[in-house]
Amino acid sequence: MKLHHLRPAPGSKTERTRKGRGEAAGKGKTAGRGTKGTGARGSVRKGFEGGQMPLQRRIPKLKGFTPRNRVEWSVVNLDRLGDVMPDGGEIGPEGFVEKGLARKNTPVKVLGRGEVTAKFTIRAHAISSSAAEKLTAAGGTVEIV
C-alpha cells in the first residue's frame, strides 16, 4: 500500500446540501425550515421560548457565589476525638482518616467543642485557639502540619 492508494472511508465525505435551490435538489421550497412561524421567517434569539417565561428568568437569583478555589475542611471536634481515643495518644492527618473522623484528601481542622481529659499529641493542618488551649491545659501538644 502506498500513499496514493489511501482513500477516505466510504460515506465519510459528503457534499454540503444546497438548500432552497428548487424541488429537484431535495431541499427546495421551504429549505428544511417547515411551514410558517418565526423559525421559517427569521432568526430566534438565544433563550427565547415563544413568549413563555424563559428558563434564565424562571430560576431564582442566588445570593453570593461559591469561589472556585474554596478549601473544604474536614472538621474534628474534641468531644469526637475523646470518644474515639479515650486514653489519648498521638494522631495525625492520616490517623484521623483511619479512625473515620475525617475525609480522605482534605485538610483537617480541629475545633474546641467538648472537653479533653486525656493527653493528646495532635498534628493537623489547622486548629482553633480554644482547642489548642484545652489540649495544652490537659498536658498535650499541638503541631500544625
Protein backbone atom coordinates (compact mmCIF):
# COMPACT_ATOMS: atom_id res chain seq x y z
CA MET A 1 0.00 0.00 0.00
CA LYS A 2 1.28 3.44 -0.91
CA LEU A 3 0.21 6.98 -0.06
CA HIS A 4 -1.59 7.47 -3.36
CA HIS A 5 -3.73 4.37 -2.64
CA LEU A 6 -5.26 5.89 0.52
CA ARG A 7 -8.92 6.89 0.24
CA PRO A 8 -11.40 8.20 2.83
CA ALA A 9 -13.86 5.67 4.24
CA PRO A 10 -16.99 5.30 2.08
CA GLY A 11 -19.68 7.74 3.21
CA SER A 12 -17.35 9.89 5.32
CA LYS A 13 -17.06 12.64 2.71
CA THR A 14 -20.37 14.13 1.54
CA GLU A 15 -21.07 17.30 -0.38
CA ARG A 16 -22.83 20.05 1.54
CA THR A 17 -26.58 20.39 1.00
CA ARG A 18 -27.54 23.46 -1.04
CA LYS A 19 -30.89 24.46 0.40
CA GLY A 20 -33.55 26.45 -1.40
CA ARG A 21 -32.39 25.51 -4.91
CA GLY A 22 -35.61 24.03 -6.30
CA GLU A 23 -37.69 20.92 -5.64
CA ALA A 24 -35.42 18.70 -7.73
CA ALA A 25 -32.49 19.40 -5.38
CA GLY A 26 -34.39 17.77 -2.50
CA LYS A 27 -34.30 20.78 -0.15
CA GLY A 28 -36.29 23.28 -2.18
CA LYS A 29 -39.35 25.38 -1.32
CA THR A 30 -39.17 25.69 2.50
CA ALA A 31 -35.49 24.61 2.63
CA GLY A 32 -35.98 22.36 5.68
CA ARG A 33 -37.49 25.15 7.82
CA GLY A 34 -41.03 23.76 7.97
CA THR A 35 -44.02 25.95 7.24
CA LYS A 36 -44.77 29.37 8.69
CA GLY A 37 -43.77 30.75 12.07
CA THR A 38 -40.72 32.62 13.34
CA GLY A 39 -38.33 29.74 12.62
CA ALA A 40 -39.30 29.79 8.96
CA ARG A 41 -39.09 33.57 8.58
CA GLY A 42 -36.27 34.94 10.67
CA SER A 43 -33.85 34.21 13.47
CA VAL A 44 -34.94 33.47 17.03
CA ARG A 45 -32.75 34.91 19.78
CA LYS A 46 -30.94 32.58 22.17
CA GLY A 47 -33.09 31.52 25.14
CA PHE A 48 -36.40 32.60 23.54
CA GLU A 49 -39.22 30.19 24.40
CA GLY A 50 -42.07 31.55 22.28
CA GLY A 51 -43.30 34.05 24.86
CA GLN A 52 -43.20 31.60 27.76
CA MET A 53 -41.16 32.88 30.70
CA PRO A 54 -37.60 31.82 29.77
CA LEU A 55 -35.58 29.47 31.94
CA GLN A 56 -32.99 32.08 32.91
CA ARG A 57 -35.79 34.23 34.36
CA ARG A 58 -37.71 31.34 35.97
CA ILE A 59 -34.87 30.14 38.17
CA PRO A 60 -34.24 32.14 41.35
CA LYS A 61 -31.36 34.54 41.68
CA LEU A 62 -28.78 33.15 44.05
CA LYS A 63 -27.21 35.20 46.80
CA GLY A 64 -23.44 35.41 46.64
CA PHE A 65 -21.22 32.88 44.93
CA THR A 66 -19.01 29.87 45.67
CA PRO A 67 -15.33 30.52 44.94
CA ARG A 68 -13.64 28.00 42.64
CA ASN A 69 -10.56 27.70 44.86
CA ARG A 70 -12.53 27.17 48.09
CA VAL A 71 -10.94 24.80 50.62
CA GLU A 72 -13.24 22.08 52.02
CA TRP A 73 -12.09 21.24 55.57
CA SER A 74 -12.64 18.03 57.48
CA VAL A 75 -13.70 19.29 60.90
CA VAL A 76 -12.89 17.25 64.02
CA ASN A 77 -14.21 18.36 67.41
CA LEU A 78 -12.53 17.45 70.69
CA ASP A 79 -15.56 15.54 72.01
CA ARG A 80 -15.49 13.16 69.00
CA LEU A 81 -11.74 12.75 69.41
CA GLY A 82 -12.27 11.82 73.06
CA ASP A 83 -14.94 9.24 72.10
CA VAL A 84 -12.66 7.52 69.58
CA MET A 85 -9.44 7.72 71.65
CA PRO A 86 -10.42 7.86 75.35
CA ASP A 87 -6.86 7.12 76.54
CA GLY A 88 -5.28 9.87 74.44
CA GLY A 89 -2.21 9.32 72.27
CA GLU A 90 -0.68 10.66 69.09
CA ILE A 91 -2.72 11.30 65.94
CA GLY A 92 -2.01 12.96 62.60
CA PRO A 93 -3.99 13.68 59.41
CA GLU A 94 -3.77 10.03 58.25
CA GLY A 95 -4.87 8.83 61.69
CA PHE A 96 -7.99 10.99 61.56
CA VAL A 97 -8.96 9.31 58.27
CA GLU A 98 -8.25 5.80 59.63
CA LYS A 99 -10.42 6.44 62.70
CA GLY A 100 -13.25 7.74 60.49
CA LEU A 101 -13.10 11.29 61.83
CA ALA A 102 -12.03 12.97 58.56
CA ARG A 103 -12.42 12.52 54.82
CA LYS A 104 -9.56 11.49 52.55
CA ASN A 105 -7.57 14.16 50.68
CA THR A 106 -8.97 17.08 52.67
CA PRO A 107 -7.13 19.24 55.22
CA VAL A 108 -8.06 18.56 58.86
CA LYS A 109 -9.08 21.29 61.29
CA VAL A 110 -9.52 20.58 65.00
CA LEU A 111 -12.21 22.60 66.80
CA GLY A 112 -12.78 23.05 70.52
CA ARG A 113 -16.28 21.65 71.19
CA GLY A 114 -16.22 19.34 74.19
CA GLU A 115 -13.74 18.69 76.99
CA VAL A 116 -10.36 16.91 76.98
CA THR A 117 -9.22 14.72 79.88
CA ALA A 118 -6.54 12.60 78.17
CA LYS A 119 -3.13 13.69 76.94
CA PHE A 120 -3.07 14.11 73.13
CA THR A 121 -0.31 14.86 70.64
CA ILE A 122 -2.16 16.26 67.62
CA ARG A 123 -0.80 17.04 64.17
CA ALA A 124 -3.36 18.82 61.96
CA HIS A 125 -3.49 21.37 59.14
CA ALA A 126 -5.29 23.91 61.34
CA ILE A 127 -6.54 24.18 64.91
CA SER A 128 -8.79 26.67 66.66
CA SER A 129 -7.42 28.69 69.58
CA SER A 130 -9.95 27.20 72.03
CA ALA A 131 -8.99 23.64 71.02
CA ALA A 132 -5.28 24.43 71.39
CA GLU A 133 -5.87 25.88 74.88
CA LYS A 134 -7.85 22.83 76.03
CA LEU A 135 -5.28 20.38 74.66
CA THR A 136 -2.27 22.14 76.23
CA ALA A 137 -4.17 22.51 79.54
CA ALA A 138 -4.64 18.71 79.56
CA GLY A 139 -0.89 18.27 79.06
CA GLY A 140 -0.96 17.58 75.33
CA THR A 141 0.86 19.17 72.42
CA VAL A 142 -0.32 20.68 69.14
CA GLU A 143 1.58 20.76 65.85
CA ILE A 144 0.46 22.44 62.62
CA VAL A 145 1.35 20.38 59.55
